[in-house]
Amino acid sequence: MELIAEKDYSRQVTRFWLKEKRGDQINIIGLTNGQLTATRLNALEPVAVTINPLLEMPMPFAADFLAAVAKYLDQEGIHPESQKLLEGKLMASERHLDDLRKHFDLLFTKTVNGH
């Protein structure tokens, strides 16, 4: 799933949809009359229909809303892939530094003892 956000500066609102891609087919999730709707699109064809947004809110409120959602997700332990990759790289760097410390401790001990 992917979040689609569109800012309408003329009305000062931000609209949100969810996009689900399966092969060449794309489903855009919106809301019509209080019901979730999935509009199926073909990835190779232009969009010829208007799809109601899943959520629409005043622009200044949207940024605060998204920040609150991000904070909630962080508290729940749900993180974006980019953060997971960064955490993995950090863990690998820490292990590498531990290995280097052990190596230099061994070299230092050998040098001091004259071996």
PDB file of N, CA and C in Angstrom:
ATOM      1  N   MET A   1       0.842  -1.185   0.000  1.00  0.00           N
ATOM      2  CA  MET A   1       0.000   0.000   0.000  1.00  0.00           C
ATOM      3  C   MET A   1       0.884   1.243   0.000  1.00  0.00           C
ATOM      4  N   GLU A   2       0.378   2.236  -0.636  1.00  0.00           N
ATOM      5  CA  GLU A   2       1.077   3.519  -0.716  1.00  0.00           C
ATOM      6  C   GLU A   2       0.058   4.620  -0.441  1.00  0.00           C
ATOM      7  N   LEU A   3       0.473   5.645   0.270  1.00  0.00           N
ATOM      8  CA  LEU A   3      -0.398   6.782   0.547  1.00  0.00           C
ATOM      9  C   LEU A   3      -0.232   7.810  -0.563  1.00  0.00           C
ATOM     10  N   ILE A   4      -1.338   8.263  -1.097  1.00  0.00           N
ATOM     11  CA  ILE A   4      -1.319   9.341  -2.083  1.00  0.00           C
ATOM     12  C   ILE A   4      -1.890  10.573  -1.392  1.00  0.00           C
ATOM     13  N   ALA A   5      -1.184  11.668  -1.464  1.00  0.00           N
ATOM     14  CA  ALA A   5      -1.651  12.933  -0.887  1.00  0.00           C
ATOM     15  C   ALA A   5      -1.657  13.986  -1.979  1.00  0.00           C
ATOM     16  N   GLU A   6      -2.714  14.773  -2.010  1.00  0.00           N
ATOM     17  CA  GLU A   6      -2.834  15.835  -3.001  1.00  0.00           C
ATOM     18  C   GLU A   6      -3.242  17.114  -2.271  1.00  0.00           C
ATOM     19  N   LYS A   7      -2.489  18.172  -2.519  1.00  0.00           N
ATOM     20  CA  LYS A   7      -2.819  19.469  -1.921  1.00  0.00           C
ATOM     21  C   LYS A   7      -3.599  20.293  -2.927  1.00  0.00           C
ATOM     22  N   ASP A   8      -4.760  20.773  -2.510  1.00  0.00           N
ATOM     23  CA  ASP A   8      -5.599  21.641  -3.340  1.00  0.00           C
ATOM     24  C   ASP A   8      -5.483  23.047  -2.762  1.00  0.00           C
ATOM     25  N   TYR A   9      -4.602  23.841  -3.358  1.00  0.00           N
ATOM     26  CA  TYR A   9      -4.336  25.180  -2.831  1.00  0.00           C
ATOM     27  C   TYR A   9      -5.524  26.123  -3.019  1.00  0.00           C
ATOM     28  N   SER A  10      -6.334  25.885  -4.029  1.00  0.00           N
ATOM     29  CA  SER A  10      -7.487  26.767  -4.245  1.00  0.00           C
ATOM     30  C   SER A  10      -8.512  26.614  -3.128  1.00  0.00           C
ATOM     31  N   ARG A  11      -8.633  25.401  -2.589  1.00  0.00           N
ATOM     32  CA  ARG A  11      -9.572  25.162  -1.485  1.00  0.00           C
ATOM     33  C   ARG A  11      -8.864  25.035  -0.141  1.00  0.00           C
ATOM     34  N   GLN A  12      -7.526  25.032  -0.154  1.00  0.00           N
ATOM     35  CA  GLN A  12      -6.720  24.892   1.067  1.00  0.00           C
ATOM     36  C   GLN A  12      -7.030  23.599   1.817  1.00  0.00           C
ATOM     37  N   VAL A  13      -7.113  22.496   1.051  1.00  0.00           N
ATOM     38  CA  VAL A  13      -7.346  21.180   1.649  1.00  0.00           C
ATOM     39  C   VAL A  13      -6.297  20.195   1.135  1.00  0.00           C
ATOM     40  N   THR A  14      -6.096  19.147   1.914  1.00  0.00           N
ATOM     41  CA  THR A  14      -5.249  18.036   1.496  1.00  0.00           C
ATOM     42  C   THR A  14      -6.139  16.804   1.427  1.00  0.00           C
ATOM     43  N   ARG A  15      -6.017  16.054   0.335  1.00  0.00           N
ATOM     44  CA  ARG A  15      -6.793  14.838   0.138  1.00  0.00           C
ATOM     45  C   ARG A  15      -5.861  13.638   0.178  1.00  0.00           C
ATOM     46  N   PHE A  16      -6.379  12.528   0.679  1.00  0.00           N
ATOM     47  CA  PHE A  16      -5.592  11.302   0.801  1.00  0.00           C
ATOM     48  C   PHE A  16      -6.335  10.117   0.196  1.00  0.00           C
ATOM     49  N   TRP A  17      -5.598   9.249  -0.488  1.00  0.00           N
ATOM     50  CA  TRP A  17      -6.071   7.975  -1.001  1.00  0.00           C
ATOM     51  C   TRP A  17      -5.032   6.917  -0.644  1.00  0.00           C
ATOM     52  N   LEU A  18      -5.426   5.669  -0.724  1.00  0.00           N
ATOM     53  CA  LEU A  18      -4.475   4.564  -0.634  1.00  0.00           C
ATOM     54  C   LEU A  18      -4.370   3.930  -2.010  1.00  0.00           C
ATOM     55  N   LYS A  19      -3.160   3.537  -2.370  1.00  0.00           N
ATOM     56  CA  LYS A  19      -2.923   2.909  -3.674  1.00  0.00           C
ATOM     57  C   LYS A  19      -2.370   1.517  -3.426  1.00  0.00           C
ATOM     58  N   GLU A  20      -3.007   0.551  -4.049  1.00  0.00           N
ATOM     59  CA  GLU A  20      -2.579  -0.842  -3.950  1.00  0.00           C
ATOM     60  C   GLU A  20      -2.250  -1.320  -5.357  1.00  0.00           C
ATOM     61  N   LYS A  21      -1.027  -1.818  -5.550  1.00  0.00           N
ATOM     62  CA  LYS A  21      -0.604  -2.236  -6.887  1.00  0.00           C
ATOM     63  C   LYS A  21      -0.402  -3.746  -6.921  1.00  0.00           C
ATOM     64  N   ARG A  22      -0.992  -4.366  -7.941  1.00  0.00           N
ATOM     65  CA  ARG A  22      -0.835  -5.810  -8.168  1.00  0.00           C
ATOM     66  C   ARG A  22      -0.618  -6.028  -9.651  1.00  0.00           C
ATOM     67  N   GLY A  23       0.620  -6.260 -10.029  1.00  0.00           N
ATOM     68  CA  GLY A  23       0.940  -6.409 -11.446  1.00  0.00           C
ATOM     69  C   GLY A  23       0.669  -5.109 -12.183  1.00  0.00           C
ATOM     70  N   ASP A  24      -0.093  -5.191 -13.273  1.00  0.00           N
ATOM     71  CA  ASP A  24      -0.461  -3.996 -14.042  1.00  0.00           C
ATOM     72  C   ASP A  24      -1.712  -3.318 -13.486  1.00  0.00           C
ATOM     73  N   GLN A  25      -2.355  -3.957 -12.534  1.00  0.00           N
ATOM     74  CA  GLN A  25      -3.584  -3.404 -11.969  1.00  0.00           C
ATOM     75  C   GLN A  25      -3.284  -2.563 -10.733  1.00  0.00           C
ATOM     76  N   ILE A  26      -3.985  -1.449 -10.637  1.00  0.00           N
ATOM     77  CA  ILE A  26      -3.844  -0.559  -9.488  1.00  0.00           C
ATOM     78  C   ILE A  26      -5.240  -0.327  -8.917  1.00  0.00           C
ATOM     79  N   ASN A  27      -5.368  -0.473  -7.612  1.00  0.00           N
ATOM     80  CA  ASN A  27      -6.609  -0.135  -6.931  1.00  0.00           C
ATOM     81  C   ASN A  27      -6.366   1.134  -6.140  1.00  0.00           C
ATOM     82  N   ILE A  28      -7.251   2.099  -6.315  1.00  0.00           N
ATOM     83  CA  ILE A  28      -7.207   3.326  -5.530  1.00  0.00           C
ATOM     84  C   ILE A  28      -8.350   3.236  -4.527  1.00  0.00           C
ATOM     85  N   ILE A  29      -8.001   3.297  -3.249  1.00  0.00           N
ATOM     86  CA  ILE A  29      -8.980   3.177  -2.176  1.00  0.00           C
ATOM     87  C   ILE A  29      -9.436   4.569  -1.772  1.00  0.00           C
ATOM     88  N   GLY A  30     -10.732   4.769  -1.819  1.00  0.00           N
ATOM     89  CA  GLY A  30     -11.330   6.039  -1.439  1.00  0.00           C
ATOM     90  C   GLY A  30     -12.536   5.790  -0.560  1.00  0.00           C
ATOM     91  N   LEU A  31     -13.359   6.795  -0.405  1.00  0.00           N
ATOM     92  CA  LEU A  31     -14.552   6.704   0.437  1.00  0.00           C
ATOM     93  C   LEU A  31     -15.707   7.382  -0.294  1.00  0.00           C
ATOM     94  N   THR A  32     -16.805   6.652  -0.475  1.00  0.00           N
ATOM     95  CA  THR A  32     -17.996   7.201  -1.116  1.00  0.00           C
ATOM     96  C   THR A  32     -19.191   6.918  -0.223  1.00  0.00           C
ATOM     97  N   ASN A  33     -19.860   7.979   0.205  1.00  0.00           N
ATOM     98  CA  ASN A  33     -21.035   7.850   1.075  1.00  0.00           C
ATOM     99  C   ASN A  33     -20.741   6.997   2.315  1.00  0.00           C
ATOM    100  N   GLY A  34     -19.571   7.200   2.901  1.00  0.00           N
ATOM    101  CA  GLY A  34     -19.209   6.481   4.121  1.00  0.00           C
ATOM    102  C   GLY A  34     -18.744   5.060   3.897  1.00  0.00           C
ATOM    103  N   GLN A  35     -18.633   4.610   2.654  1.00  0.00           N
ATOM    104  CA  GLN A  35     -18.211   3.244   2.336  1.00  0.00           C
ATOM    105  C   GLN A  35     -16.854   3.269   1.630  1.00  0.00           C
ATOM    106  N   LEU A  36     -15.961   2.373   2.033  1.00  0.00           N
ATOM    107  CA  LEU A  36     -14.688   2.236   1.328  1.00  0.00           C
ATOM    108  C   LEU A  36     -14.950   1.760  -0.090  1.00  0.00           C
ATOM    109  N   THR A  37     -14.262   2.354  -1.037  1.00  0.00           N
ATOM    110  CA  THR A  37     -14.390   1.935  -2.425  1.00  0.00           C
ATOM    111  C   THR A  37     -12.997   1.675  -2.990  1.00  0.00           C
ATOM    112  N   ALA A  38     -12.911   0.701  -3.854  1.00  0.00           N
ATOM    113  CA  ALA A  38     -11.665   0.405  -4.557  1.00  0.00           C
ATOM    114  C   ALA A  38     -11.924   0.572  -6.040  1.00  0.00           C
ATOM    115  N   THR A  39     -11.269   1.546  -6.629  1.00  0.00           N
ATOM    116  CA  THR A  39     -11.408   1.785  -8.064  1.00  0.00           C
ATOM    117  C   THR A  39     -10.216   1.166  -8.759  1.00  0.00           C
ATOM    118  N   ARG A  40     -10.489   0.203  -9.625  1.00  0.00           N
ATOM    119  CA  ARG A  40      -9.423  -0.506 -10.329  1.00  0.00           C
ATOM    120  C   ARG A  40      -8.997   0.271 -11.555  1.00  0.00           C
ATOM    121  N   LEU A  41      -7.704   0.506 -11.652  1.00  0.00           N
ATOM    122  CA  LEU A  41      -7.134   1.200 -12.801  1.00  0.00           C
ATOM    123  C   LEU A  41      -6.122   0.296 -13.467  1.00  0.00           C
ATOM    124  N   ASN A  42      -5.837   0.556 -14.715  1.00  0.00           N
ATOM    125  CA  ASN A  42      -4.777  -0.136 -15.422  1.00  0.00           C
ATOM    126  C   ASN A  42      -3.565   0.787 -15.415  1.00  0.00           C
ATOM    127  N   ALA A  43      -2.421   0.283 -14.992  1.00  0.00           N
ATOM    128  CA  ALA A  43      -1.219   1.105 -14.871  1.00  0.00           C
ATOM    129  C   ALA A  43      -0.783   1.692 -16.202  1.00  0.00           C
ATOM    130  N   LEU A  44      -1.227   1.106 -17.298  1.00  0.00           N
ATOM    131  CA  LEU A  44      -0.786   1.557 -18.613  1.00  0.00           C
ATOM    132  C   LEU A  44      -1.726   2.569 -19.256  1.00  0.00           C
ATOM    133  N   GLU A  45      -2.869   2.843 -18.596  1.00  0.00           N
ATOM    134  CA  GLU A  45      -3.858   3.752 -19.176  1.00  0.00           C
ATOM    135  C   GLU A  45      -4.009   4.985 -18.295  1.00  0.00           C
ATOM    136  N   PRO A  46      -4.341   6.126 -18.897  1.00  0.00           N
ATOM    137  CA  PRO A  46      -4.556   7.336 -18.086  1.00  0.00           C
ATOM    138  C   PRO A  46      -5.825   7.197 -17.230  1.00  0.00           C
ATOM    139  N   VAL A  47      -5.866   7.909 -16.131  1.00  0.00           N
ATOM    140  CA  VAL A  47      -7.029   7.885 -15.239  1.00  0.00           C
ATOM    141  C   VAL A  47      -8.144   8.692 -15.881  1.00  0.00           C
ATOM    142  N   ALA A  48      -9.293   8.052 -16.044  1.00  0.00           N
ATOM    143  CA  ALA A  48     -10.413   8.714 -16.718  1.00  0.00           C
ATOM    144  C   ALA A  48     -11.599   8.916 -15.780  1.00  0.00           C
ATOM    145  N   VAL A  49     -11.424   8.594 -14.491  1.00  0.00           N
ATOM    146  CA  VAL A  49     -12.527   8.729 -13.538  1.00  0.00           C
ATOM    147  C   VAL A  49     -12.086   9.596 -12.361  1.00  0.00           C
ATOM    148  N   THR A  50     -13.061  10.181 -11.709  1.00  0.00           N
ATOM    149  CA  THR A  50     -12.794  10.925 -10.486  1.00  0.00           C
ATOM    150  C   THR A  50     -12.980   9.969  -9.316  1.00  0.00           C
ATOM    151  N   ILE A  51     -12.008   9.905  -8.446  1.00  0.00           N
ATOM    152  CA  ILE A  51     -12.065   8.993  -7.308  1.00  0.00           C
ATOM    153  C   ILE A  51     -12.145   9.820  -6.033  1.00  0.00           C
ATOM    154  N   ASN A  52     -13.206   9.619  -5.282  1.00  0.00           N
ATOM    155  CA  ASN A  52     -13.361  10.336  -4.028  1.00  0.00           C
ATOM    156  C   ASN A  52     -12.220   9.994  -3.082  1.00  0.00           C
ATOM    157  N   PRO A  53     -11.714  10.987  -2.346  1.00  0.00           N
ATOM    158  CA  PRO A  53     -10.615  10.707  -1.423  1.00  0.00           C
ATOM    159  C   PRO A  53     -11.063   9.868  -0.228  1.00  0.00           C
ATOM    160  N   LEU A  54     -10.122   9.183   0.357  1.00  0.00           N
ATOM    161  CA  LEU A  54     -10.359   8.436   1.586  1.00  0.00           C
ATOM    162  C   LEU A  54     -10.537   9.410   2.749  1.00  0.00           C
ATOM    163  N   LEU A  55      -9.800  10.514   2.673  1.00  0.00           N
ATOM    164  CA  LEU A  55      -9.816  11.518   3.736  1.00  0.00           C
ATOM    165  C   LEU A  55      -9.492  12.878   3.131  1.00  0.00           C
ATOM    166  N   GLU A  56     -10.166  13.903   3.599  1.00  0.00           N
ATOM    167  CA  GLU A  56      -9.893  15.271   3.167  1.00  0.00           C
ATOM    168  C   GLU A  56      -9.932  16.162   4.397  1.00  0.00           C
ATOM    169  N   MET A  57      -8.905  17.019   4.537  1.00  0.00           N
ATOM    170  CA  MET A  57      -8.865  17.903   5.706  1.00  0.00           C
ATOM    171  C   MET A  57      -8.197  19.220   5.361  1.00  0.00           C
ATOM    172  N   PRO A  58      -8.435  20.263   6.171  1.00  0.00           N
ATOM    173  CA  PRO A  58      -7.784  21.553   5.922  1.00  0.00           C
ATOM    174  C   PRO A  58      -6.266  21.401   5.898  1.00  0.00           C
ATOM    175  N   MET A  59      -5.623  22.084   4.971  1.00  0.00           N
ATOM    176  CA  MET A  59      -4.179  21.971   4.787  1.00  0.00           C
ATOM    177  C   MET A  59      -3.356  22.152   6.061  1.00  0.00           C
ATOM    178  N   PRO A  60      -3.584  23.206   6.847  1.00  0.00           N
ATOM    179  CA  PRO A  60      -2.749  23.374   8.050  1.00  0.00           C
ATOM    180  C   PRO A  60      -2.915  22.220   9.039  1.00  0.00           C
ATOM    181  N   PHE A  61      -4.077  21.619   9.077  1.00  0.00           N
ATOM    182  CA  PHE A  61      -4.339  20.519   9.995  1.00  0.00           C
ATOM    183  C   PHE A  61      -3.691  19.222   9.513  1.00  0.00           C
ATOM    184  N   ALA A  62      -3.562  19.052   8.191  1.00  0.00           N
ATOM    185  CA  ALA A  62      -3.047  17.807   7.619  1.00  0.00           C
ATOM    186  C   ALA A  62      -1.628  17.504   8.095  1.00  0.00           C
ATOM    187  N   ALA A  63      -0.771  18.508   8.138  1.00  0.00           N
ATOM    188  CA  ALA A  63       0.615  18.276   8.574  1.00  0.00           C
ATOM    189  C   ALA A  63       0.642  17.826  10.033  1.00  0.00           C
ATOM    190  N   ASP A  64      -0.170  18.469  10.880  1.00  0.00           N
ATOM    191  CA  ASP A  64      -0.234  18.071  12.288  1.00  0.00           C
ATOM    192  C   ASP A  64      -0.803  16.663  12.428  1.00  0.00           C
ATOM    193  N   PHE A  65      -1.799  16.347  11.622  1.00  0.00           N
ATOM    194  CA  PHE A  65      -2.402  15.019  11.635  1.00  0.00           C
ATOM    195  C   PHE A  65      -1.371  13.950  11.265  1.00  0.00           C
ATOM    196  N   LEU A  66      -0.624  14.196  10.185  1.00  0.00           N
ATOM    197  CA  LEU A  66       0.383  13.222   9.750  1.00  0.00           C
ATOM    198  C   LEU A  66       1.488  13.068  10.784  1.00  0.00           C
ATOM    199  N   ALA A  67       1.884  14.165  11.433  1.00  0.00           N
ATOM    200  CA  ALA A  67       2.891  14.088  12.498  1.00  0.00           C
ATOM    201  C   ALA A  67       2.371  13.236  13.654  1.00  0.00           C
ATOM    202  N   ALA A  68       1.096  13.407  14.007  1.00  0.00           N
ATOM    203  CA  ALA A  68       0.512  12.606  15.085  1.00  0.00           C
ATOM    204  C   ALA A  68       0.440  11.129  14.696  1.00  0.00           C
ATOM    205  N   VAL A  69       0.115  10.847  13.432  1.00  0.00           N
ATOM    206  CA  VAL A  69       0.083   9.460  12.952  1.00  0.00           C
ATOM    207  C   VAL A  69       1.491   8.861  13.007  1.00  0.00           C
ATOM    208  N   ALA A  70       2.500   9.620  12.569  1.00  0.00           N
ATOM    209  CA  ALA A  70       3.890   9.137  12.599  1.00  0.00           C
ATOM    210  C   ALA A  70       4.318   8.838  14.030  1.00  0.00           C
ATOM    211  N   LYS A  71       3.947   9.703  14.971  1.00  0.00           N
ATOM    212  CA  LYS A  71       4.293   9.481  16.382  1.00  0.00           C
ATOM    213  C   LYS A  71       3.616   8.219  16.906  1.00  0.00           C
ATOM    214  N   TYR A  72       2.350   8.056  16.571  1.00  0.00           N
ATOM    215  CA  TYR A  72       1.620   6.857  16.983  1.00  0.00           C
ATOM    216  C   TYR A  72       2.281   5.599  16.422  1.00  0.00           C
ATOM    217  N   LEU A  73       2.606   5.614  15.138  1.00  0.00           N
ATOM    218  CA  LEU A  73       3.247   4.455  14.510  1.00  0.00           C
ATOM    219  C   LEU A  73       4.592   4.148  15.156  1.00  0.00           C
ATOM    220  N   ASP A  74       5.345   5.188  15.491  1.00  0.00           N
ATOM    221  CA  ASP A  74       6.632   4.996  16.153  1.00  0.00           C
ATOM    222  C   ASP A  74       6.435   4.326  17.512  1.00  0.00           C
ATOM    223  N   GLN A  75       5.433   4.768  18.261  1.00  0.00           N
ATOM    224  CA  GLN A  75       5.143   4.174  19.565  1.00  0.00           C
ATOM    225  C   GLN A  75       4.707   2.724  19.437  1.00  0.00           C
ATOM    226  N   GLU A  76       4.066   2.395  18.322  1.00  0.00           N
ATOM    227  CA  GLU A  76       3.615   1.022  18.074  1.00  0.00           C
ATOM    228  C   GLU A  76       4.723   0.146  17.483  1.00  0.00           C
ATOM    229  N   GLY A  77       5.891   0.755  17.221  1.00  0.00           N
ATOM    230  CA  GLY A  77       7.013   0.000  16.659  1.00  0.00           C
ATOM    231  C   GLY A  77       6.908  -0.218  15.165  1.00  0.00           C
ATOM    232  N   ILE A  78       6.104   0.585  14.498  1.00  0.00           N
ATOM    233  CA  ILE A  78       5.949   0.474  13.041  1.00  0.00           C
ATOM    234  C   ILE A  78       6.778   1.585  12.411  1.00  0.00           C
ATOM    235  N   HIS A  79       7.791   1.179  11.642  1.00  0.00           N
ATOM    236  CA  HIS A  79       8.725   2.150  11.074  1.00  0.00           C
ATOM    237  C   HIS A  79       8.819   1.976   9.564  1.00  0.00           C
ATOM    238  N   PRO A  80       9.113   3.056   8.847  1.00  0.00           N
ATOM    239  CA  PRO A  80       9.276   2.938   7.396  1.00  0.00           C
ATOM    240  C   PRO A  80      10.513   2.113   7.050  1.00  0.00           C
ATOM    241  N   GLU A  81      10.503   1.538   5.866  1.00  0.00           N
ATOM    242  CA  GLU A  81      11.634   0.707   5.414  1.00  0.00           C
ATOM    243  C   GLU A  81      12.950   1.466   5.490  1.00  0.00           C
ATOM    244  N   SER A  82      12.943   2.763   5.161  1.00  0.00           N
ATOM    245  CA  SER A  82      14.190   3.534   5.183  1.00  0.00           C
ATOM    246  C   SER A  82      14.788   3.571   6.587  1.00  0.00           C
ATOM    247  N   GLN A  83      13.937   3.658   7.612  1.00  0.00           N
ATOM    248  CA  GLN A  83      14.450   3.672   8.988  1.00  0.00           C
ATOM    249  C   GLN A  83      14.975   2.294   9.365  1.00  0.00           C
ATOM    250  N   LYS A  84      14.307   1.240   8.917  1.00  0.00           N
ATOM    251  CA  LYS A  84      14.774  -0.115   9.197  1.00  0.00           C
ATOM    252  C   LYS A  84      16.134  -0.340   8.558  1.00  0.00           C
ATOM    253  N   LEU A  85      16.317   0.130   7.324  1.00  0.00           N
ATOM    254  CA  LEU A  85      17.609  -0.013   6.654  1.00  0.00           C
ATOM    255  C   LEU A  85      18.691   0.750   7.396  1.00  0.00           C
ATOM    256  N   LEU A  86      18.360   1.965   7.838  1.00  0.00           N
ATOM    257  CA  LEU A  86      19.319   2.779   8.578  1.00  0.00           C
ATOM    258  C   LEU A  86      19.702   2.108   9.891  1.00  0.00           C
ATOM    259  N   GLU A  87      18.711   1.549  10.597  1.00  0.00           N
ATOM    260  CA  GLU A  87      18.989   0.847  11.848  1.00  0.00           C
ATOM    261  C   GLU A  87      19.876  -0.370  11.597  1.00  0.00           C
ATOM    262  N   GLY A  88      19.630  -1.080  10.504  1.00  0.00           N
ATOM    263  CA  GLY A  88      20.458  -2.242  10.157  1.00  0.00           C
ATOM    264  C   GLY A  88      21.893  -1.837   9.868  1.00  0.00           C
ATOM    265  N   LYS A  89      22.072  -0.731   9.147  1.00  0.00           N
ATOM    266  CA  LYS A  89      23.420  -0.244   8.853  1.00  0.00           C
ATOM    267  C   LYS A  89      24.134   0.185  10.132  1.00  0.00           C
ATOM    268  N   LEU A  90      23.399   0.820  11.043  1.00  0.00           N
ATOM    269  CA  LEU A  90      23.978   1.242  12.313  1.00  0.00           C
ATOM    270  C   LEU A  90      24.427   0.031  13.122  1.00  0.00           C
ATOM    271  N   MET A  91      23.598  -1.010  13.177  1.00  0.00           N
ATOM    272  CA  MET A  91      23.967  -2.220  13.912  1.00  0.00           C
ATOM    273  C   MET A  91      25.211  -2.863  13.299  1.00  0.00           C
ATOM    274  N   ALA A  92      25.278  -2.901  11.977  1.00  0.00           N
ATOM    275  CA  ALA A  92      26.441  -3.485  11.304  1.00  0.00           C
ATOM    276  C   ALA A  92      27.688  -2.661  11.601  1.00  0.00           C
ATOM    277  N   SER A  93      27.559  -1.324  11.620  1.00  0.00           N
ATOM    278  CA  SER A  93      28.701  -0.457  11.934  1.00  0.00           C
ATOM    279  C   SER A  93      29.175  -0.675  13.358  1.00  0.00           C
ATOM    280  N   GLU A  94      28.230  -0.827  14.282  1.00  0.00           N
ATOM    281  CA  GLU A  94      28.601  -1.067  15.678  1.00  0.00           C
ATOM    282  C   GLU A  94      29.342  -2.385  15.828  1.00  0.00           C
ATOM    283  N   ARG A  95      28.873  -3.441  15.140  1.00  0.00           N
ATOM    284  CA  ARG A  95      29.574  -4.730  15.194  1.00  0.00           C
ATOM    285  C   ARG A  95      30.973  -4.609  14.597  1.00  0.00           C
ATOM    286  N   HIS A  96      31.077  -3.857  13.495  1.00  0.00           N
ATOM    287  CA  HIS A  96      32.372  -3.664  12.851  1.00  0.00           C
ATOM    288  C   HIS A  96      33.331  -2.927  13.794  1.00  0.00           C
ATOM    289  N   LEU A  97      32.822  -1.903  14.469  1.00  0.00           N
ATOM    290  CA  LEU A  97      33.666  -1.169  15.425  1.00  0.00           C
ATOM    291  C   LEU A  97      34.099  -2.056  16.574  1.00  0.00           C
ATOM    292  N   ASP A  98      33.206  -2.917  17.059  1.00  0.00           N
ATOM    293  CA  ASP A  98      33.588  -3.866  18.120  1.00  0.00           C
ATOM    294  C   ASP A  98      34.711  -4.786  17.641  1.00  0.00           C
ATOM    295  N   ASP A  99      34.581  -5.277  16.406  1.00  0.00           N
ATOM    296  CA  ASP A  99      35.625  -6.138  15.838  1.00  0.00           C
ATOM    297  C   ASP A  99      36.954  -5.386  15.737  1.00  0.00           C
ATOM    298  N   LEU A 100      36.895  -4.126  15.275  1.00  0.00           N
ATOM    299  CA  LEU A 100      38.121  -3.325  15.165  1.00  0.00           C
ATOM    300  C   LEU A 100      38.762  -3.091  16.538  1.00  0.00           C
ATOM    301  N   ARG A 101      37.939  -2.812  17.540  1.00  0.00           N
ATOM    302  CA  ARG A 101      38.469  -2.605  18.893  1.00  0.00           C
ATOM    303  C   ARG A 101      39.196  -3.848  19.380  1.00  0.00           C
ATOM    304  N   LYS A 102      38.590  -5.013  19.186  1.00  0.00           N
ATOM    305  CA  LYS A 102      39.217  -6.272  19.596  1.00  0.00           C
ATOM    306  C   LYS A 102      40.535  -6.466  18.858  1.00  0.00           C
ATOM    307  N   HIS A 103      40.535  -6.181  17.573  1.00  0.00           N
ATOM    308  CA  HIS A 103      41.738  -6.336  16.759  1.00  0.00           C
ATOM    309  C   HIS A 103      42.856  -5.407  17.251  1.00  0.00           C
ATOM    310  N   PHE A 104      42.512  -4.129  17.487  1.00  0.00           N
ATOM    311  CA  PHE A 104      43.526  -3.182  17.949  1.00  0.00           C
ATOM    312  C   PHE A 104      43.977  -3.473  19.375  1.00  0.00           C
ATOM    313  N   ASP A 105      43.080  -3.971  20.222  1.00  0.00           N
ATOM    314  CA  ASP A 105      43.483  -4.383  21.574  1.00  0.00           C
ATOM    315  C   ASP A 105      44.501  -5.505  21.494  1.00  0.00           C
ATOM    316  N   LEU A 106      44.268  -6.455  20.607  1.00  0.00           N
ATOM    317  CA  LEU A 106      45.193  -7.563  20.421  1.00  0.00           C
ATOM    318  C   LEU A 106      46.533  -7.063  19.900  1.00  0.00           C
ATOM    319  N   LEU A 107      46.511  -6.168  18.900  1.00  0.00           N
ATOM    320  CA  LEU A 107      47.754  -5.609  18.370  1.00  0.00           C
ATOM    321  C   LEU A 107      48.498  -4.812  19.433  1.00  0.00           C
ATOM    322  N   PHE A 108      47.767  -4.030  20.224  1.00  0.00           N
ATOM    323  CA  PHE A 108      48.384  -3.220  21.275  1.00  0.00           C
ATOM    324  C   PHE A 108      49.032  -4.117  22.319  1.00  0.00           C
ATOM    325  N   THR A 109      48.312  -5.169  22.719  1.00  0.00           N
ATOM    326  CA  THR A 109      48.851  -6.101  23.716  1.00  0.00           C
ATOM    327  C   THR A 109      50.110  -6.781  23.190  1.00  0.00           C
ATOM    328  N   LYS A 110      50.122  -7.188  21.953  1.00  0.00           N
ATOM    329  CA  LYS A 110      51.294  -7.833  21.351  1.00  0.00           C
ATOM    330  C   LYS A 110      52.462  -6.854  21.265  1.00  0.00           C
ATOM    331  N   THR A 111      52.153  -5.592  20.923  1.00  0.00           N
ATOM    332  CA  THR A 111      53.202  -4.573  20.805  1.00  0.00           C
ATOM    333  C   THR A 111      53.810  -4.270  22.176  1.00  0.00           C
ATOM    334  N   VAL A 112      52.982  -4.124  23.193  1.00  0.00           N
ATOM    335  CA  VAL A 112      53.459  -3.804  24.545  1.00  0.00           C
ATOM    336  C   VAL A 112      54.260  -4.963  25.098  1.00  0.00           C
ATOM    337  N   ASN A 113      53.816  -6.172  24.854  1.00  0.00           N
ATOM    338  CA  ASN A 113      54.513  -7.357  25.384  1.00  0.00           C
ATOM    339  C   ASN A 113      55.692  -7.763  24.498  1.00  0.00           C
ATOM    340  N   GLY A 114      55.861  -7.106  23.378  1.00  0.00           N
ATOM    341  CA  GLY A 114      56.980  -7.391  22.484  1.00  0.00           C
ATOM    342  C   GLY A 114      56.829  -8.667  21.713  1.00  0.00           C
ATOM    343  N   HIS A 115      55.623  -9.124  21.483  1.00  0.00           N
ATOM    344  CA  HIS A 115      55.424 -10.367  20.730  1.00  0.00           C
ATOM    345  C   HIS A 115      55.077 -10.056  19.325  1.00  0.00           C
TER     346      HIS A 115
END
